[in-house]
Amino acid sequence: YIHLRDKDLHRCVEASDVLFSAYQIKKFKQSQARDKKIVLSLADVFSDKREDKHIFLAGISQSLNKLIELGYTLTLLTFTDEKDAILNQELIKYIDASEKVCVFPFPENPQDILTEFAGAEICISMRFHALVIASCLNIPCCVIAYSEKLDDVANRLNLSKFLVRICSDKKTYYHKRIPFDAKYFERILFELLSKRTDIQNSMSEDLDIIIRESEINWYLLDRL
């Protein structure tokens, strides 16, 4: 990903690393009131393994149904291809009160996704881009990791304690899936909610360092 000076960036989604310091995010960072809203960004890494997908959806929905019972609303985000959108629709079938769930399609304008994040208490993320944006908005994340890049960012943001793996080989995408540990996920999810303020303070300190590195990287890429 490099900056194309002669292109209209209005409808472009910039590279993940750049998002750490994108100017559009900064104006959303001024804390809006949290309104018992949780955003989710799930990834369909299950291919044709229907049973694996069922175990995952049944497991994660147990926690999501409890959140809805506590008064939360859920927003399901779509960052990539149509498989993720289909996974979101399949998840709704496991939700007891589907009227409490909003499905947000892939945005034409990056600003739209920031608006959806605004006001969320936490993010549940399988997608790297969601983890980056949530972090920039100082929204704590519960990470469902299938690759090394998610582990690395979670570690740098002191979120490793709130990460559950669904693949055993962190260096390879989608490799050697392991059963989703629904009980462990529920435990770290509700711990994340209960310690949200402390986690936000910790994330803010680490994020400043990552932003500086990102700006250096962007400076170099822009001159290629």
C-alpha atoms as a PDB file:
ATOM      1  CA  TYR A   1       0.000   0.000   0.000  1.00  0.00           C
ATOM      2  CA  ILE A   2       1.447   3.347  -1.027  1.00  0.00           C
ATOM      3  CA  HIS A   3      -0.036   6.790  -1.345  1.00  0.00           C
ATOM      4  CA  LEU A   4      -1.271   7.512  -4.871  1.00  0.00           C
ATOM      5  CA  ARG A   5      -1.087  11.287  -5.127  1.00  0.00           C
ATOM      6  CA  ASP A   6      -3.185  11.502  -8.276  1.00  0.00           C
ATOM      7  CA  LYS A   7      -6.031   9.344  -6.967  1.00  0.00           C
ATOM      8  CA  ASP A   8      -9.199  10.393  -5.192  1.00  0.00           C
ATOM      9  CA  LEU A   9      -8.936   8.837  -1.722  1.00  0.00           C
ATOM     10  CA  HIS A  10     -12.483   9.707  -0.742  1.00  0.00           C
ATOM     11  CA  ARG A  11     -13.718   6.148  -1.316  1.00  0.00           C
ATOM     12  CA  CYS A  12     -10.466   4.341  -0.522  1.00  0.00           C
ATOM     13  CA  VAL A  13      -9.650   2.404   2.610  1.00  0.00           C
ATOM     14  CA  GLU A  14      -6.054   3.198   3.534  1.00  0.00           C
ATOM     15  CA  ALA A  15      -3.504   0.608   4.613  1.00  0.00           C
ATOM     16  CA  SER A  16      -3.851  -0.832   8.093  1.00  0.00           C
ATOM     17  CA  ASP A  17      -0.633   0.673   9.402  1.00  0.00           C
ATOM     18  CA  VAL A  18      -1.614   4.114   8.200  1.00  0.00           C
ATOM     19  CA  LEU A  19      -4.876   3.931  10.110  1.00  0.00           C
ATOM     20  CA  PHE A  20      -2.951   4.219  13.353  1.00  0.00           C
ATOM     21  CA  SER A  21      -2.318   7.872  12.563  1.00  0.00           C
ATOM     22  CA  ALA A  22      -4.988   8.752  10.002  1.00  0.00           C
ATOM     23  CA  TYR A  23      -6.249  12.264  10.617  1.00  0.00           C
ATOM     24  CA  GLN A  24      -9.882  11.212  10.110  1.00  0.00           C
ATOM     25  CA  ILE A  25      -9.734   9.099  13.251  1.00  0.00           C
ATOM     26  CA  LYS A  26      -8.483  11.853  15.520  1.00  0.00           C
ATOM     27  CA  LYS A  27     -11.689  13.870  15.510  1.00  0.00           C
ATOM     28  CA  PHE A  28     -13.656  10.774  16.558  1.00  0.00           C
ATOM     29  CA  LYS A  29     -11.283  10.072  19.417  1.00  0.00           C
ATOM     30  CA  GLN A  30     -12.780  12.839  21.515  1.00  0.00           C
ATOM     31  CA  SER A  31     -14.748  10.544  23.739  1.00  0.00           C
ATOM     32  CA  GLN A  32     -18.405  10.251  22.896  1.00  0.00           C
ATOM     33  CA  ALA A  33     -20.790   8.884  25.493  1.00  0.00           C
ATOM     34  CA  ARG A  34     -20.664   5.108  25.721  1.00  0.00           C
ATOM     35  CA  ASP A  35     -24.140   3.754  25.116  1.00  0.00           C
ATOM     36  CA  LYS A  36     -24.055   0.004  25.909  1.00  0.00           C
ATOM     37  CA  LYS A  37     -23.042  -0.771  22.357  1.00  0.00           C
ATOM     38  CA  ILE A  38     -20.565  -3.443  21.260  1.00  0.00           C
ATOM     39  CA  VAL A  39     -19.109  -3.721  17.763  1.00  0.00           C
ATOM     40  CA  LEU A  40     -17.977  -7.022  16.275  1.00  0.00           C
ATOM     41  CA  SER A  41     -15.804  -7.772  13.276  1.00  0.00           C
ATOM     42  CA  LEU A  42     -15.835 -11.488  12.506  1.00  0.00           C
ATOM     43  CA  ALA A  43     -13.943 -13.362   9.788  1.00  0.00           C
ATOM     44  CA  ASP A  44     -15.049 -16.512   8.014  1.00  0.00           C
ATOM     45  CA  VAL A  45     -11.932 -18.668   8.308  1.00  0.00           C
ATOM     46  CA  PHE A  46     -13.856 -21.929   8.258  1.00  0.00           C
ATOM     47  CA  SER A  47     -13.951 -22.624   4.517  1.00  0.00           C
ATOM     48  CA  ASP A  48     -16.080 -25.735   3.973  1.00  0.00           C
ATOM     49  CA  LYS A  49     -15.820 -26.935   7.578  1.00  0.00           C
ATOM     50  CA  ARG A  50     -19.462 -26.509   8.515  1.00  0.00           C
ATOM     51  CA  GLU A  51     -19.108 -28.232  11.881  1.00  0.00           C
ATOM     52  CA  ASP A  52     -16.226 -25.947  12.890  1.00  0.00           C
ATOM     53  CA  LYS A  53     -18.323 -22.928  11.938  1.00  0.00           C
ATOM     54  CA  HIS A  54     -21.316 -24.225  13.891  1.00  0.00           C
ATOM     55  CA  ILE A  55     -19.190 -24.761  17.009  1.00  0.00           C
ATOM     56  CA  PHE A  56     -17.831 -21.234  16.709  1.00  0.00           C
ATOM     57  CA  LEU A  57     -21.185 -19.539  16.129  1.00  0.00           C
ATOM     58  CA  ALA A  58     -22.928 -21.534  18.849  1.00  0.00           C
ATOM     59  CA  GLY A  59     -20.108 -20.780  21.269  1.00  0.00           C
ATOM     60  CA  ILE A  60     -19.779 -17.053  20.669  1.00  0.00           C
ATOM     61  CA  SER A  61     -23.556 -16.559  20.623  1.00  0.00           C
ATOM     62  CA  GLN A  62     -23.783 -17.776  24.225  1.00  0.00           C
ATOM     63  CA  SER A  63     -21.818 -14.726  25.345  1.00  0.00           C
ATOM     64  CA  LEU A  64     -23.570 -12.389  22.925  1.00  0.00           C
ATOM     65  CA  ASN A  65     -26.994 -13.452  24.177  1.00  0.00           C
ATOM     66  CA  LYS A  66     -25.882 -12.692  27.742  1.00  0.00           C
ATOM     67  CA  LEU A  67     -24.697  -9.248  26.657  1.00  0.00           C
ATOM     68  CA  ILE A  68     -28.071  -8.538  25.072  1.00  0.00           C
ATOM     69  CA  GLU A  69     -29.802  -9.641  28.276  1.00  0.00           C
ATOM     70  CA  LEU A  70     -27.698  -7.025  30.082  1.00  0.00           C
ATOM     71  CA  GLY A  71     -29.025  -4.317  27.773  1.00  0.00           C
ATOM     72  CA  TYR A  72     -26.283  -4.182  25.120  1.00  0.00           C
ATOM     73  CA  THR A  73     -26.862  -3.776  21.413  1.00  0.00           C
ATOM     74  CA  LEU A  74     -24.539  -5.369  18.860  1.00  0.00           C
ATOM     75  CA  THR A  75     -23.246  -4.016  15.561  1.00  0.00           C
ATOM     76  CA  LEU A  76     -21.765  -6.565  13.145  1.00  0.00           C
ATOM     77  CA  LEU A  77     -19.198  -4.955  10.848  1.00  0.00           C
ATOM     78  CA  THR A  78     -18.029  -6.134   7.436  1.00  0.00           C
ATOM     79  CA  PHE A  79     -14.470  -5.312   6.423  1.00  0.00           C
ATOM     80  CA  THR A  80     -13.733  -7.652   3.534  1.00  0.00           C
ATOM     81  CA  ASP A  81     -15.401 -10.033   1.135  1.00  0.00           C
ATOM     82  CA  GLU A  82     -18.941 -11.368   1.056  1.00  0.00           C
ATOM     83  CA  LYS A  83     -18.006 -14.429   3.126  1.00  0.00           C
ATOM     84  CA  ASP A  84     -17.814 -12.251   6.224  1.00  0.00           C
ATOM     85  CA  ALA A  85     -21.186 -10.716   5.427  1.00  0.00           C
ATOM     86  CA  ILE A  86     -22.684 -14.192   5.104  1.00  0.00           C
ATOM     87  CA  LEU A  87     -21.092 -15.198   8.416  1.00  0.00           C
ATOM     88  CA  ASN A  88     -22.758 -12.206  10.079  1.00  0.00           C
ATOM     89  CA  GLN A  89     -26.144 -13.297   8.756  1.00  0.00           C
ATOM     90  CA  GLU A  90     -25.539 -16.837   9.944  1.00  0.00           C
ATOM     91  CA  LEU A  91     -24.622 -15.570  13.412  1.00  0.00           C
ATOM     92  CA  ILE A  92     -27.942 -13.755  13.737  1.00  0.00           C
ATOM     93  CA  LYS A  93     -29.719 -17.122  13.558  1.00  0.00           C
ATOM     94  CA  TYR A  94     -28.040 -18.018  16.860  1.00  0.00           C
ATOM     95  CA  ILE A  95     -29.101 -14.794  18.594  1.00  0.00           C
ATOM     96  CA  ASP A  96     -32.239 -14.912  20.747  1.00  0.00           C
ATOM     97  CA  ALA A  97     -33.167 -11.242  20.275  1.00  0.00           C
ATOM     98  CA  SER A  98     -32.066 -10.491  16.720  1.00  0.00           C
ATOM     99  CA  GLU A  99     -33.727  -7.059  16.836  1.00  0.00           C
ATOM    100  CA  LYS A 100     -30.853  -6.012  19.108  1.00  0.00           C
ATOM    101  CA  VAL A 101     -28.345  -6.725  16.323  1.00  0.00           C
ATOM    102  CA  CYS A 102     -27.453  -4.345  13.508  1.00  0.00           C
ATOM    103  CA  VAL A 103     -25.526  -5.541  10.443  1.00  0.00           C
ATOM    104  CA  PHE A 104     -23.329  -2.851   8.913  1.00  0.00           C
ATOM    105  CA  PRO A 105     -22.259  -3.553   5.296  1.00  0.00           C
ATOM    106  CA  PHE A 106     -18.835  -2.872   3.856  1.00  0.00           C
ATOM    107  CA  PRO A 107     -18.574   0.950   3.881  1.00  0.00           C
ATOM    108  CA  GLU A 108     -18.145   3.023   0.744  1.00  0.00           C
ATOM    109  CA  ASN A 109     -16.560   5.770   2.814  1.00  0.00           C
ATOM    110  CA  PRO A 110     -14.054   5.076   5.647  1.00  0.00           C
ATOM    111  CA  GLN A 111     -15.745   7.803   7.685  1.00  0.00           C
ATOM    112  CA  ASP A 112     -18.843   5.617   7.957  1.00  0.00           C
ATOM    113  CA  ILE A 113     -17.015   2.859   9.789  1.00  0.00           C
ATOM    114  CA  LEU A 114     -15.662   5.365  12.300  1.00  0.00           C
ATOM    115  CA  THR A 115     -19.185   6.536  12.996  1.00  0.00           C
ATOM    116  CA  GLU A 116     -20.215   2.962  13.721  1.00  0.00           C
ATOM    117  CA  PHE A 117     -17.333   2.539  16.157  1.00  0.00           C
ATOM    118  CA  ALA A 118     -18.117   5.784  17.963  1.00  0.00           C
ATOM    119  CA  GLY A 119     -19.867   5.185  21.255  1.00  0.00           C
ATOM    120  CA  ALA A 120     -18.985   1.497  21.510  1.00  0.00           C
ATOM    121  CA  GLU A 121     -17.839   0.252  24.906  1.00  0.00           C
ATOM    122  CA  ILE A 122     -15.721  -2.566  23.505  1.00  0.00           C
ATOM    123  CA  CYS A 123     -14.936  -4.329  20.231  1.00  0.00           C
ATOM    124  CA  ILE A 124     -14.842  -8.057  19.545  1.00  0.00           C
ATOM    125  CA  SER A 125     -12.415  -8.431  16.677  1.00  0.00           C
ATOM    126  CA  MET A 126     -11.167 -11.125  14.338  1.00  0.00           C
ATOM    127  CA  ARG A 127     -10.184  -8.551  11.699  1.00  0.00           C
ATOM    128  CA  PHE A 128      -6.902  -6.663  11.950  1.00  0.00           C
ATOM    129  CA  HIS A 129      -8.429  -3.443  10.632  1.00  0.00           C
ATOM    130  CA  ALA A 130     -11.099  -3.480  13.332  1.00  0.00           C
ATOM    131  CA  LEU A 131      -8.459  -3.954  16.029  1.00  0.00           C
ATOM    132  CA  VAL A 132      -6.467  -1.007  14.675  1.00  0.00           C
ATOM    133  CA  ILE A 133      -9.429   1.355  14.404  1.00  0.00           C
ATOM    134  CA  ALA A 134     -10.821   0.409  17.811  1.00  0.00           C
ATOM    135  CA  SER A 135      -7.410   0.983  19.374  1.00  0.00           C
ATOM    136  CA  CYS A 136      -7.117   4.419  17.801  1.00  0.00           C
ATOM    137  CA  LEU A 137     -10.494   5.289  19.303  1.00  0.00           C
ATOM    138  CA  ASN A 138      -9.341   3.908  22.655  1.00  0.00           C
ATOM    139  CA  ILE A 139     -11.948   1.137  22.568  1.00  0.00           C
ATOM    140  CA  PRO A 140     -10.728  -2.039  24.315  1.00  0.00           C
ATOM    141  CA  CYS A 141     -10.798  -5.191  22.188  1.00  0.00           C
ATOM    142  CA  CYS A 142     -11.451  -8.831  22.853  1.00  0.00           C
ATOM    143  CA  VAL A 143      -9.415 -10.504  20.103  1.00  0.00           C
ATOM    144  CA  ILE A 144     -10.245 -13.782  18.350  1.00  0.00           C
ATOM    145  CA  ALA A 145      -6.956 -14.520  16.604  1.00  0.00           C
ATOM    146  CA  TYR A 146      -6.221 -16.684  13.594  1.00  0.00           C
ATOM    147  CA  SER A 147      -2.875 -15.171  12.530  1.00  0.00           C
ATOM    148  CA  GLU A 148       0.319 -13.671  13.866  1.00  0.00           C
ATOM    149  CA  LYS A 149      -0.499 -10.063  13.061  1.00  0.00           C
ATOM    150  CA  LEU A 150      -3.433 -10.066  15.476  1.00  0.00           C
ATOM    151  CA  ASP A 151      -1.253 -11.544  18.223  1.00  0.00           C
ATOM    152  CA  ASP A 152       1.440  -8.937  17.661  1.00  0.00           C
ATOM    153  CA  VAL A 153      -0.827  -5.897  17.852  1.00  0.00           C
ATOM    154  CA  ALA A 154      -2.744  -7.290  20.837  1.00  0.00           C
ATOM    155  CA  ASN A 155       0.545  -7.857  22.620  1.00  0.00           C
ATOM    156  CA  ARG A 156       1.778  -4.325  21.940  1.00  0.00           C
ATOM    157  CA  LEU A 157      -1.479  -2.897  23.261  1.00  0.00           C
ATOM    158  CA  ASN A 158      -1.411  -5.043  26.408  1.00  0.00           C
ATOM    159  CA  LEU A 159      -4.457  -6.967  25.213  1.00  0.00           C
ATOM    160  CA  SER A 160      -2.928 -10.454  25.063  1.00  0.00           C
ATOM    161  CA  LYS A 161      -4.841 -11.372  28.201  1.00  0.00           C
ATOM    162  CA  PHE A 162      -8.028 -10.761  26.250  1.00  0.00           C
ATOM    163  CA  LEU A 163      -7.170 -12.942  23.255  1.00  0.00           C
ATOM    164  CA  VAL A 164      -8.455 -16.387  22.332  1.00  0.00           C
ATOM    165  CA  ARG A 165      -6.999 -18.408  19.467  1.00  0.00           C
ATOM    166  CA  ILE A 166      -8.905 -20.401  16.861  1.00  0.00           C
ATOM    167  CA  CYS A 167      -5.820 -21.579  14.967  1.00  0.00           C
ATOM    168  CA  SER A 168      -2.854 -23.409  16.438  1.00  0.00           C
ATOM    169  CA  ASP A 169      -0.178 -22.092  14.084  1.00  0.00           C
ATOM    170  CA  LYS A 170      -0.069 -18.327  14.536  1.00  0.00           C
ATOM    171  CA  LYS A 171       2.291 -17.805  11.594  1.00  0.00           C
ATOM    172  CA  THR A 172      -0.060 -19.167   8.955  1.00  0.00           C
ATOM    173  CA  TYR A 173      -3.521 -17.880   8.054  1.00  0.00           C
ATOM    174  CA  TYR A 174      -6.353 -20.328   8.709  1.00  0.00           C
ATOM    175  CA  HIS A 175      -3.912 -23.142   9.520  1.00  0.00           C
ATOM    176  CA  LYS A 176      -4.808 -25.995  11.893  1.00  0.00           C
ATOM    177  CA  ARG A 177      -8.019 -24.683  13.332  1.00  0.00           C
ATOM    178  CA  ILE A 178      -8.717 -25.550  16.937  1.00  0.00           C
ATOM    179  CA  PRO A 179     -12.132 -25.661  18.645  1.00  0.00           C
ATOM    180  CA  PHE A 180     -13.391 -22.309  19.845  1.00  0.00           C
ATOM    181  CA  ASP A 181     -13.153 -22.167  23.648  1.00  0.00           C
ATOM    182  CA  ALA A 182     -16.495 -20.525  24.416  1.00  0.00           C
ATOM    183  CA  LYS A 183     -16.102 -20.617  28.211  1.00  0.00           C
ATOM    184  CA  TYR A 184     -12.678 -18.972  28.093  1.00  0.00           C
ATOM    185  CA  PHE A 185     -13.952 -16.377  25.619  1.00  0.00           C
ATOM    186  CA  GLU A 186     -16.865 -15.497  27.898  1.00  0.00           C
ATOM    187  CA  ARG A 187     -14.562 -15.120  30.882  1.00  0.00           C
ATOM    188  CA  ILE A 188     -12.132 -12.744  29.171  1.00  0.00           C
ATOM    189  CA  LEU A 189     -14.967 -10.839  27.489  1.00  0.00           C
ATOM    190  CA  PHE A 190     -16.701  -9.972  30.752  1.00  0.00           C
ATOM    191  CA  GLU A 191     -13.377  -9.256  32.431  1.00  0.00           C
ATOM    192  CA  LEU A 192     -12.634  -6.812  29.617  1.00  0.00           C
ATOM    193  CA  LEU A 193     -15.954  -5.062  30.242  1.00  0.00           C
ATOM    194  CA  SER A 194     -15.407  -4.867  33.987  1.00  0.00           C
ATOM    195  CA  LYS A 195     -11.887  -3.426  33.613  1.00  0.00           C
ATOM    196  CA  ARG A 196     -12.569  -1.243  30.594  1.00  0.00           C
ATOM    197  CA  THR A 197     -11.408   2.043  32.111  1.00  0.00           C
ATOM    198  CA  ASP A 198      -8.077   0.671  33.332  1.00  0.00           C
ATOM    199  CA  ILE A 199      -7.502  -1.025  29.988  1.00  0.00           C
ATOM    200  CA  GLN A 200      -8.210   2.204  28.115  1.00  0.00           C
ATOM    201  CA  ASN A 201      -5.568   4.017  30.158  1.00  0.00           C
ATOM    202  CA  SER A 202      -3.018   1.283  29.450  1.00  0.00           C
ATOM    203  CA  MET A 203      -3.846   1.201  25.730  1.00  0.00           C
ATOM    204  CA  SER A 204      -3.504   4.966  25.423  1.00  0.00           C
ATOM    205  CA  GLU A 205       0.096   4.892  26.642  1.00  0.00           C
ATOM    206  CA  ASP A 206       1.144   2.141  24.219  1.00  0.00           C
ATOM    207  CA  LEU A 207      -0.796   3.600  21.316  1.00  0.00           C
ATOM    208  CA  ASP A 208       1.226   6.818  21.363  1.00  0.00           C
ATOM    209  CA  ILE A 209       4.374   4.814  20.603  1.00  0.00           C
ATOM    210  CA  ILE A 210       2.708   2.860  17.797  1.00  0.00           C
ATOM    211  CA  ILE A 211       1.345   6.051  16.253  1.00  0.00           C
ATOM    212  CA  ARG A 212       4.823   7.588  16.125  1.00  0.00           C
ATOM    213  CA  GLU A 213       6.171   4.460  14.425  1.00  0.00           C
ATOM    214  CA  SER A 214       3.258   4.470  12.003  1.00  0.00           C
ATOM    215  CA  GLU A 215       3.899   8.080  11.025  1.00  0.00           C
ATOM    216  CA  ILE A 216       7.538   7.261  10.315  1.00  0.00           C
ATOM    217  CA  ASN A 217       6.495   4.288   8.171  1.00  0.00           C
ATOM    218  CA  TRP A 218       3.983   6.415   6.296  1.00  0.00           C
ATOM    219  CA  TYR A 219       6.624   9.090   5.697  1.00  0.00           C
ATOM    220  CA  LEU A 220       8.898   6.480   4.125  1.00  0.00           C
ATOM    221  CA  LEU A 221       6.157   4.806   2.055  1.00  0.00           C
ATOM    222  CA  ASP A 222       4.943   8.126   0.719  1.00  0.00           C
ATOM    223  CA  ARG A 223       8.367   8.683  -0.848  1.00  0.00           C
ATOM    224  CA  LEU A 224       8.673   5.371  -2.644  1.00  0.00           C
END
